[in-house]
Full PDB file with SEQRES, HELIX, SHEET, SSBOND, CRYST1, ORIGX, SCALE, CONECT and MASTER records, all heavy atoms in Angstrom:
SEQRES   1 A   34  THR LEU ASN GLY ALA GLU VAL SER ALA ARG SER VAL VAL          
SEQRES   2 A   34  VAL ALA SER GLY GLY LEU SER MET PRO GLY LEU GLY ALA          
SEQRES   3 A   34  SER PRO PHE GLY TYR LYS LEU ALA                              
HELIX    1 AA1 PRO A   22  LEU A   24  5                                   3    
HELIX    2 AA2 PHE A   29  LEU A   33  1                                   5    
CRYST1    1.000    1.000    1.000  90.00  90.00  90.00 P 1           1          
ORIGX1      1.000000  0.000000  0.000000        0.00000                         
ORIGX2      0.000000  1.000000  0.000000        0.00000                         
ORIGX3      0.000000  0.000000  1.000000        0.00000                         
SCALE1      1.000000  0.000000  0.000000        0.00000                         
SCALE2      0.000000  1.000000  0.000000        0.00000                         
SCALE3      0.000000  0.000000  1.000000        0.00000                         
ATOM      1  N   THR A   1      68.366 -20.035  14.309  1.00  0.00           N  
ATOM      2  CA  THR A   1      68.290 -20.349  12.944  1.00  0.00           C  
ATOM      3  C   THR A   1      67.397 -21.645  12.823  1.00  0.00           C  
ATOM      4  O   THR A   1      67.838 -22.619  13.358  1.00  0.00           O  
ATOM      5  CB  THR A   1      69.676 -20.579  12.393  1.00  0.00           C  
ATOM      6  OG1 THR A   1      70.475 -19.402  12.631  1.00  0.00           O  
ATOM      7  CG2 THR A   1      69.564 -20.717  10.734  1.00  0.00           C  
ATOM      8  N   LEU A   2      66.233 -21.478  12.238  1.00  0.00           N  
ATOM      9  CA  LEU A   2      65.468 -22.717  11.992  1.00  0.00           C  
ATOM     10  C   LEU A   2      65.460 -23.079  10.432  1.00  0.00           C  
ATOM     11  O   LEU A   2      66.081 -22.437   9.750  1.00  0.00           O  
ATOM     12  CB  LEU A   2      63.967 -22.276  12.254  1.00  0.00           C  
ATOM     13  CG  LEU A   2      63.762 -21.543  13.636  1.00  0.00           C  
ATOM     14  CD1 LEU A   2      62.338 -21.179  13.779  1.00  0.00           C  
ATOM     15  CD2 LEU A   2      64.246 -22.392  14.835  1.00  0.00           C  
ATOM     16  N   ASN A   3      64.946 -24.263  10.182  1.00  0.00           N  
ATOM     17  CA  ASN A   3      64.880 -24.674   8.761  1.00  0.00           C  
ATOM     18  C   ASN A   3      63.940 -23.653   8.062  1.00  0.00           C  
ATOM     19  O   ASN A   3      62.738 -23.873   8.059  1.00  0.00           O  
ATOM     20  CB  ASN A   3      64.504 -26.165   8.547  1.00  0.00           C  
ATOM     21  CG  ASN A   3      63.269 -26.522   9.442  1.00  0.00           C  
ATOM     22  OD1 ASN A   3      62.811 -25.740  10.356  1.00  0.00           O  
ATOM     23  ND2 ASN A   3      62.746 -27.721   9.274  1.00  0.00           N  
ATOM     24  N   GLY A   4      64.589 -22.687   7.441  1.00  0.00           N  
ATOM     25  CA  GLY A   4      63.695 -21.840   6.691  1.00  0.00           C  
ATOM     26  C   GLY A   4      63.500 -20.457   7.245  1.00  0.00           C  
ATOM     27  O   GLY A   4      62.846 -19.576   6.617  1.00  0.00           O  
ATOM     28  N   ALA A   5      63.960 -20.186   8.420  1.00  0.00           N  
ATOM     29  CA  ALA A   5      63.771 -18.725   9.037  1.00  0.00           C  
ATOM     30  C   ALA A   5      64.779 -18.465  10.188  1.00  0.00           C  
ATOM     31  O   ALA A   5      65.413 -19.443  10.638  1.00  0.00           O  
ATOM     32  CB  ALA A   5      62.379 -18.641   9.450  1.00  0.00           C  
ATOM     33  N   GLU A   6      64.861 -17.246  10.524  1.00  0.00           N  
ATOM     34  CA  GLU A   6      65.552 -16.890  11.764  1.00  0.00           C  
ATOM     35  C   GLU A   6      64.630 -16.109  12.621  1.00  0.00           C  
ATOM     36  O   GLU A   6      63.705 -15.377  12.188  1.00  0.00           O  
ATOM     37  CB  GLU A   6      66.710 -15.950  11.512  1.00  0.00           C  
ATOM     38  CG  GLU A   6      68.028 -16.636  10.879  1.00  0.00           C  
ATOM     39  CD  GLU A   6      69.184 -15.736  11.063  1.00  0.00           C  
ATOM     40  OE1 GLU A   6      69.090 -14.577  11.216  1.00  0.00           O  
ATOM     41  OE2 GLU A   6      70.289 -16.383  11.135  1.00  0.00           O  
ATOM     42  N   VAL A   7      64.685 -16.421  13.980  1.00  0.00           N  
ATOM     43  CA  VAL A   7      63.832 -15.671  14.883  1.00  0.00           C  
ATOM     44  C   VAL A   7      64.727 -15.233  16.061  1.00  0.00           C  
ATOM     45  O   VAL A   7      65.737 -15.744  16.302  1.00  0.00           O  
ATOM     46  CB  VAL A   7      62.663 -16.600  15.521  1.00  0.00           C  
ATOM     47  CG1 VAL A   7      61.696 -17.049  14.406  1.00  0.00           C  
ATOM     48  CG2 VAL A   7      63.228 -17.820  16.220  1.00  0.00           C  
ATOM     49  N   SER A   8      64.285 -14.114  16.730  1.00  0.00           N  
ATOM     50  CA  SER A   8      65.045 -13.648  17.889  1.00  0.00           C  
ATOM     51  C   SER A   8      64.154 -13.733  19.080  1.00  0.00           C  
ATOM     52  O   SER A   8      62.905 -13.662  19.064  1.00  0.00           O  
ATOM     53  CB  SER A   8      65.586 -12.322  17.689  1.00  0.00           C  
ATOM     54  OG  SER A   8      64.540 -11.335  17.844  1.00  0.00           O  
ATOM     55  N   ALA A   9      64.846 -13.910  20.357  1.00  0.00           N  
ATOM     56  CA  ALA A   9      64.061 -13.967  21.477  1.00  0.00           C  
ATOM     57  C   ALA A   9      64.937 -13.467  22.678  1.00  0.00           C  
ATOM     58  O   ALA A   9      66.118 -13.628  22.573  1.00  0.00           O  
ATOM     59  CB  ALA A   9      63.637 -15.489  21.761  1.00  0.00           C  
ATOM     60  N   ARG A  10      64.272 -12.999  23.677  1.00  0.00           N  
ATOM     61  CA  ARG A  10      64.984 -12.538  24.833  1.00  0.00           C  
ATOM     62  C   ARG A  10      65.492 -13.792  25.792  1.00  0.00           C  
ATOM     63  O   ARG A  10      66.575 -13.763  26.315  1.00  0.00           O  
ATOM     64  CB  ARG A  10      64.029 -11.719  25.689  1.00  0.00           C  
ATOM     65  CG  ARG A  10      64.682 -10.999  26.721  1.00  0.00           C  
ATOM     66  CD  ARG A  10      63.716  -9.876  27.286  1.00  0.00           C  
ATOM     67  NE  ARG A  10      64.081  -9.351  28.655  1.00  0.00           N  
ATOM     68  CZ  ARG A  10      63.465  -8.468  29.247  1.00  0.00           C  
ATOM     69  NH1 ARG A  10      62.432  -7.897  28.755  1.00  0.00           N  
ATOM     70  NH2 ARG A  10      63.783  -8.004  30.461  1.00  0.00           N  
ATOM     71  N   SER A  11      64.595 -14.854  25.683  1.00  0.00           N  
ATOM     72  CA  SER A  11      64.957 -16.021  26.359  1.00  0.00           C  
ATOM     73  C   SER A  11      64.716 -17.317  25.593  1.00  0.00           C  
ATOM     74  O   SER A  11      63.867 -17.294  24.809  1.00  0.00           O  
ATOM     75  CB  SER A  11      64.081 -16.107  27.666  1.00  0.00           C  
ATOM     76  OG  SER A  11      64.237 -14.964  28.458  1.00  0.00           O  
ATOM     77  N   VAL A  12      65.519 -18.341  25.864  1.00  0.00           N  
ATOM     78  CA  VAL A  12      65.315 -19.675  25.284  1.00  0.00           C  
ATOM     79  C   VAL A  12      65.152 -20.672  26.340  1.00  0.00           C  
ATOM     80  O   VAL A  12      65.927 -20.680  27.321  1.00  0.00           O  
ATOM     81  CB  VAL A  12      66.628 -19.996  24.356  1.00  0.00           C  
ATOM     82  CG1 VAL A  12      66.493 -21.415  23.886  1.00  0.00           C  
ATOM     83  CG2 VAL A  12      66.717 -19.069  23.232  1.00  0.00           C  
ATOM     84  N   VAL A  13      64.082 -21.522  26.157  1.00  0.00           N  
ATOM     85  CA  VAL A  13      63.852 -22.554  27.162  1.00  0.00           C  
ATOM     86  C   VAL A  13      64.118 -23.910  26.408  1.00  0.00           C  
ATOM     87  O   VAL A  13      63.431 -24.153  25.385  1.00  0.00           O  
ATOM     88  CB  VAL A  13      62.357 -22.524  27.649  1.00  0.00           C  
ATOM     89  CG1 VAL A  13      62.073 -23.801  28.602  1.00  0.00           C  
ATOM     90  CG2 VAL A  13      62.109 -21.259  28.350  1.00  0.00           C  
ATOM     91  N   VAL A  14      65.004 -24.705  27.001  1.00  0.00           N  
ATOM     92  CA  VAL A  14      65.325 -25.986  26.379  1.00  0.00           C  
ATOM     93  C   VAL A  14      64.459 -27.082  27.058  1.00  0.00           C  
ATOM     94  O   VAL A  14      64.669 -27.353  28.311  1.00  0.00           O  
ATOM     95  CB  VAL A  14      66.760 -26.327  26.375  1.00  0.00           C  
ATOM     96  CG1 VAL A  14      67.121 -27.655  25.679  1.00  0.00           C  
ATOM     97  CG2 VAL A  14      67.665 -25.166  25.817  1.00  0.00           C  
ATOM     98  N   ALA A  15      63.481 -27.610  26.268  1.00  0.00           N  
ATOM     99  CA  ALA A  15      62.645 -28.675  26.891  1.00  0.00           C  
ATOM    100  C   ALA A  15      62.605 -29.881  25.895  1.00  0.00           C  
ATOM    101  O   ALA A  15      61.561 -30.406  25.539  1.00  0.00           O  
ATOM    102  CB  ALA A  15      61.283 -28.118  27.133  1.00  0.00           C  
ATOM    103  N   SER A  16      63.780 -30.188  25.501  1.00  0.00           N  
ATOM    104  CA  SER A  16      63.897 -31.134  24.302  1.00  0.00           C  
ATOM    105  C   SER A  16      63.996 -32.576  24.758  1.00  0.00           C  
ATOM    106  O   SER A  16      64.211 -33.498  23.953  1.00  0.00           O  
ATOM    107  CB  SER A  16      65.119 -30.815  23.437  1.00  0.00           C  
ATOM    108  OG  SER A  16      66.313 -30.696  24.210  1.00  0.00           O  
ATOM    109  N   GLY A  17      63.832 -32.859  26.014  1.00  0.00           N  
ATOM    110  CA  GLY A  17      63.893 -34.272  26.543  1.00  0.00           C  
ATOM    111  C   GLY A  17      65.103 -34.960  26.510  1.00  0.00           C  
ATOM    112  O   GLY A  17      66.170 -34.337  26.238  1.00  0.00           O  
ATOM    113  N   GLY A  18      65.091 -36.227  26.796  1.00  0.00           N  
ATOM    114  CA  GLY A  18      66.353 -37.122  26.775  1.00  0.00           C  
ATOM    115  C   GLY A  18      66.529 -37.894  25.585  1.00  0.00           C  
ATOM    116  O   GLY A  18      66.050 -37.517  24.482  1.00  0.00           O  
ATOM    117  N   LEU A  19      67.118 -39.039  25.740  1.00  0.00           N  
ATOM    118  CA  LEU A  19      67.467 -39.936  24.603  1.00  0.00           C  
ATOM    119  C   LEU A  19      66.477 -41.077  24.506  1.00  0.00           C  
ATOM    120  O   LEU A  19      66.606 -41.932  23.636  1.00  0.00           O  
ATOM    121  CB  LEU A  19      68.887 -40.451  24.726  1.00  0.00           C  
ATOM    122  CG  LEU A  19      69.930 -39.441  24.737  1.00  0.00           C  
ATOM    123  CD1 LEU A  19      71.270 -40.018  25.124  1.00  0.00           C  
ATOM    124  CD2 LEU A  19      70.039 -38.691  23.371  1.00  0.00           C  
ATOM    125  N   SER A  20      65.489 -41.163  25.446  1.00  0.00           N  
ATOM    126  CA  SER A  20      64.581 -42.276  25.474  1.00  0.00           C  
ATOM    127  C   SER A  20      63.570 -42.284  24.317  1.00  0.00           C  
ATOM    128  O   SER A  20      63.110 -41.119  23.958  1.00  0.00           O  
ATOM    129  CB  SER A  20      63.797 -42.283  26.730  1.00  0.00           C  
ATOM    130  OG  SER A  20      64.587 -41.770  27.799  1.00  0.00           O  
ATOM    131  N   MET A  21      63.341 -43.453  23.704  1.00  0.00           N  
ATOM    132  CA  MET A  21      62.366 -43.566  22.654  1.00  0.00           C  
ATOM    133  C   MET A  21      62.724 -42.683  21.400  1.00  0.00           C  
ATOM    134  O   MET A  21      62.032 -41.779  21.069  1.00  0.00           O  
ATOM    135  CB  MET A  21      61.063 -43.254  23.154  1.00  0.00           C  
ATOM    136  CG  MET A  21      60.606 -44.010  24.355  1.00  0.00           C  
ATOM    137  SD  MET A  21      58.931 -44.193  24.624  1.00  0.00           S  
ATOM    138  CE  MET A  21      58.858 -45.324  26.012  1.00  0.00           C  
ATOM    139  N   PRO A  22      63.855 -43.096  20.747  1.00  0.00           N  
ATOM    140  CA  PRO A  22      64.262 -42.348  19.556  1.00  0.00           C  
ATOM    141  C   PRO A  22      63.220 -42.340  18.460  1.00  0.00           C  
ATOM    142  O   PRO A  22      63.184 -41.489  17.621  1.00  0.00           O  
ATOM    143  CB  PRO A  22      65.620 -42.971  19.095  1.00  0.00           C  
ATOM    144  CG  PRO A  22      65.636 -44.283  19.920  1.00  0.00           C  
ATOM    145  CD  PRO A  22      64.845 -44.145  21.096  1.00  0.00           C  
ATOM    146  N   GLY A  23      62.375 -43.375  18.482  1.00  0.00           N  
ATOM    147  CA  GLY A  23      61.271 -43.550  17.496  1.00  0.00           C  
ATOM    148  C   GLY A  23      60.302 -42.406  17.579  1.00  0.00           C  
ATOM    149  O   GLY A  23      59.544 -42.029  16.704  1.00  0.00           O  
ATOM    150  N   LEU A  24      60.332 -41.710  18.759  1.00  0.00           N  
ATOM    151  CA  LEU A  24      59.411 -40.534  18.903  1.00  0.00           C  
ATOM    152  C   LEU A  24      60.135 -39.202  18.853  1.00  0.00           C  
ATOM    153  O   LEU A  24      59.731 -38.207  19.320  1.00  0.00           O  
ATOM    154  CB  LEU A  24      58.700 -40.743  20.364  1.00  0.00           C  
ATOM    155  CG  LEU A  24      57.782 -41.805  20.516  1.00  0.00           C  
ATOM    156  CD1 LEU A  24      57.252 -41.926  21.870  1.00  0.00           C  
ATOM    157  CD2 LEU A  24      56.600 -41.777  19.493  1.00  0.00           C  
ATOM    158  N   GLY A  25      61.322 -39.255  18.182  1.00  0.00           N  
ATOM    159  CA  GLY A  25      62.050 -38.042  17.909  1.00  0.00           C  
ATOM    160  C   GLY A  25      63.010 -37.557  18.955  1.00  0.00           C  
ATOM    161  O   GLY A  25      63.534 -36.452  18.948  1.00  0.00           O  
ATOM    162  N   ALA A  26      63.334 -38.552  19.970  1.00  0.00           N  
ATOM    163  CA  ALA A  26      64.383 -38.144  20.980  1.00  0.00           C  
ATOM    164  C   ALA A  26      65.699 -37.878  20.331  1.00  0.00           C  
ATOM    165  O   ALA A  26      66.117 -38.586  19.362  1.00  0.00           O  
ATOM    166  CB  ALA A  26      64.443 -39.245  21.997  1.00  0.00           C  
ATOM    167  N   SER A  27      66.391 -36.872  20.907  1.00  0.00           N  
ATOM    168  CA  SER A  27      67.694 -36.542  20.250  1.00  0.00           C  
ATOM    169  C   SER A  27      68.579 -35.850  21.300  1.00  0.00           C  
ATOM    170  O   SER A  27      68.080 -35.371  22.360  1.00  0.00           O  
ATOM    171  CB  SER A  27      67.597 -35.640  19.129  1.00  0.00           C  
ATOM    172  OG  SER A  27      67.521 -34.268  19.508  1.00  0.00           O  
ATOM    173  N   PRO A  28      69.938 -35.906  21.177  1.00  0.00           N  
ATOM    174  CA  PRO A  28      70.792 -35.223  22.139  1.00  0.00           C  
ATOM    175  C   PRO A  28      70.930 -33.743  21.960  1.00  0.00           C  
ATOM    176  O   PRO A  28      71.773 -33.077  22.520  1.00  0.00           O  
ATOM    177  CB  PRO A  28      72.136 -35.833  21.839  1.00  0.00           C  
ATOM    178  CG  PRO A  28      72.093 -36.227  20.426  1.00  0.00           C  
ATOM    179  CD  PRO A  28      70.734 -36.573  20.070  1.00  0.00           C  
ATOM    180  N   PHE A  29      69.913 -33.120  21.269  1.00  0.00           N  
ATOM    181  CA  PHE A  29      69.953 -31.622  20.974  1.00  0.00           C  
ATOM    182  C   PHE A  29      70.225 -30.827  22.291  1.00  0.00           C  
ATOM    183  O   PHE A  29      71.037 -29.942  22.285  1.00  0.00           O  
ATOM    184  CB  PHE A  29      68.691 -31.279  20.338  1.00  0.00           C  
ATOM    185  CG  PHE A  29      68.559 -29.724  20.152  1.00  0.00           C  
ATOM    186  CD1 PHE A  29      69.060 -29.107  18.945  1.00  0.00           C  
ATOM    187  CD2 PHE A  29      67.949 -28.903  21.118  1.00  0.00           C  
ATOM    188  CE1 PHE A  29      68.985 -27.800  18.933  1.00  0.00           C  
ATOM    189  CE2 PHE A  29      67.881 -27.566  20.986  1.00  0.00           C  
ATOM    190  CZ  PHE A  29      68.410 -26.967  19.794  1.00  0.00           C  
ATOM    191  N   GLY A  30      69.406 -31.102  23.255  1.00  0.00           N  
ATOM    192  CA  GLY A  30      69.482 -30.232  24.560  1.00  0.00           C  
ATOM    193  C   GLY A  30      70.871 -30.344  25.236  1.00  0.00           C  
ATOM    194  O   GLY A  30      71.394 -29.371  25.788  1.00  0.00           O  
ATOM    195  N   TYR A  31      71.483 -31.598  25.178  1.00  0.00           N  
ATOM    196  CA  TYR A  31      72.751 -31.749  25.804  1.00  0.00           C  
ATOM    197  C   TYR A  31      73.888 -30.951  24.980  1.00  0.00           C  
ATOM    198  O   TYR A  31      74.762 -30.337  25.593  1.00  0.00           O  
ATOM    199  CB  TYR A  31      73.148 -33.250  25.837  1.00  0.00           C  
ATOM    200  CG  TYR A  31      72.103 -34.186  26.431  1.00  0.00           C  
ATOM    201  CD1 TYR A  31      71.639 -35.301  25.884  1.00  0.00           C  
ATOM    202  CD2 TYR A  31      71.435 -33.738  27.605  1.00  0.00           C  
ATOM    203  CE1 TYR A  31      70.841 -36.198  26.377  1.00  0.00           C  
ATOM    204  CE2 TYR A  31      70.504 -34.587  28.228  1.00  0.00           C  
ATOM    205  CZ  TYR A  31      70.146 -35.801  27.595  1.00  0.00           C  
ATOM    206  OH  TYR A  31      69.256 -36.572  28.216  1.00  0.00           O  
ATOM    207  N   LYS A  32      73.755 -30.999  23.688  1.00  0.00           N  
ATOM    208  CA  LYS A  32      74.699 -30.343  22.735  1.00  0.00           C  
ATOM    209  C   LYS A  32      74.648 -28.886  23.005  1.00  0.00           C  
ATOM    210  O   LYS A  32      75.634 -28.224  23.060  1.00  0.00           O  
ATOM    211  CB  LYS A  32      74.509 -30.675  21.360  1.00  0.00           C  
ATOM    212  CG  LYS A  32      74.954 -32.091  21.025  1.00  0.00           C  
ATOM    213  CD  LYS A  32      74.759 -32.412  19.511  1.00  0.00           C  
ATOM    214  CE  LYS A  32      75.330 -33.839  19.254  1.00  0.00           C  
ATOM    215  NZ  LYS A  32      74.794 -34.464  18.014  1.00  0.00           N  
ATOM    216  N   LEU A  33      73.365 -28.281  23.173  1.00  0.00           N  
ATOM    217  CA  LEU A  33      73.209 -26.899  23.340  1.00  0.00           C  
ATOM    218  C   LEU A  33      73.771 -26.445  24.703  1.00  0.00           C  
ATOM    219  O   LEU A  33      74.438 -25.362  24.850  1.00  0.00           O  
ATOM    220  CB  LEU A  33      71.722 -26.543  23.222  1.00  0.00           C  
ATOM    221  CG  LEU A  33      71.373 -25.028  23.099  1.00  0.00           C  
ATOM    222  CD1 LEU A  33      71.907 -24.526  21.814  1.00  0.00           C  
ATOM    223  CD2 LEU A  33      69.901 -24.765  23.207  1.00  0.00           C  
ATOM    224  N   ALA A  34      73.557 -27.285  25.707  1.00  0.00           N  
ATOM    225  CA  ALA A  34      74.118 -26.999  27.015  1.00  0.00           C  
ATOM    226  C   ALA A  34      75.622 -26.886  26.900  1.00  0.00           C  
ATOM    227  O   ALA A  34      76.231 -25.922  27.476  1.00  0.00           O  
ATOM    228  CB  ALA A  34      73.662 -28.083  28.021  1.00  0.00           C  
TER     229      ALA A  34                                                      
MASTER        0    0    0    2    0    0    0    6  228    1    0    3          
END                                                                             
């Protein structure tokens, strides 16, 4: 579920990075998904 749409996929790759440099959009998203 994205902001504004739903998409489906056979596989999901989480490459959302770590928490370094929050000014560049870093977030705990990947950890929460795991």
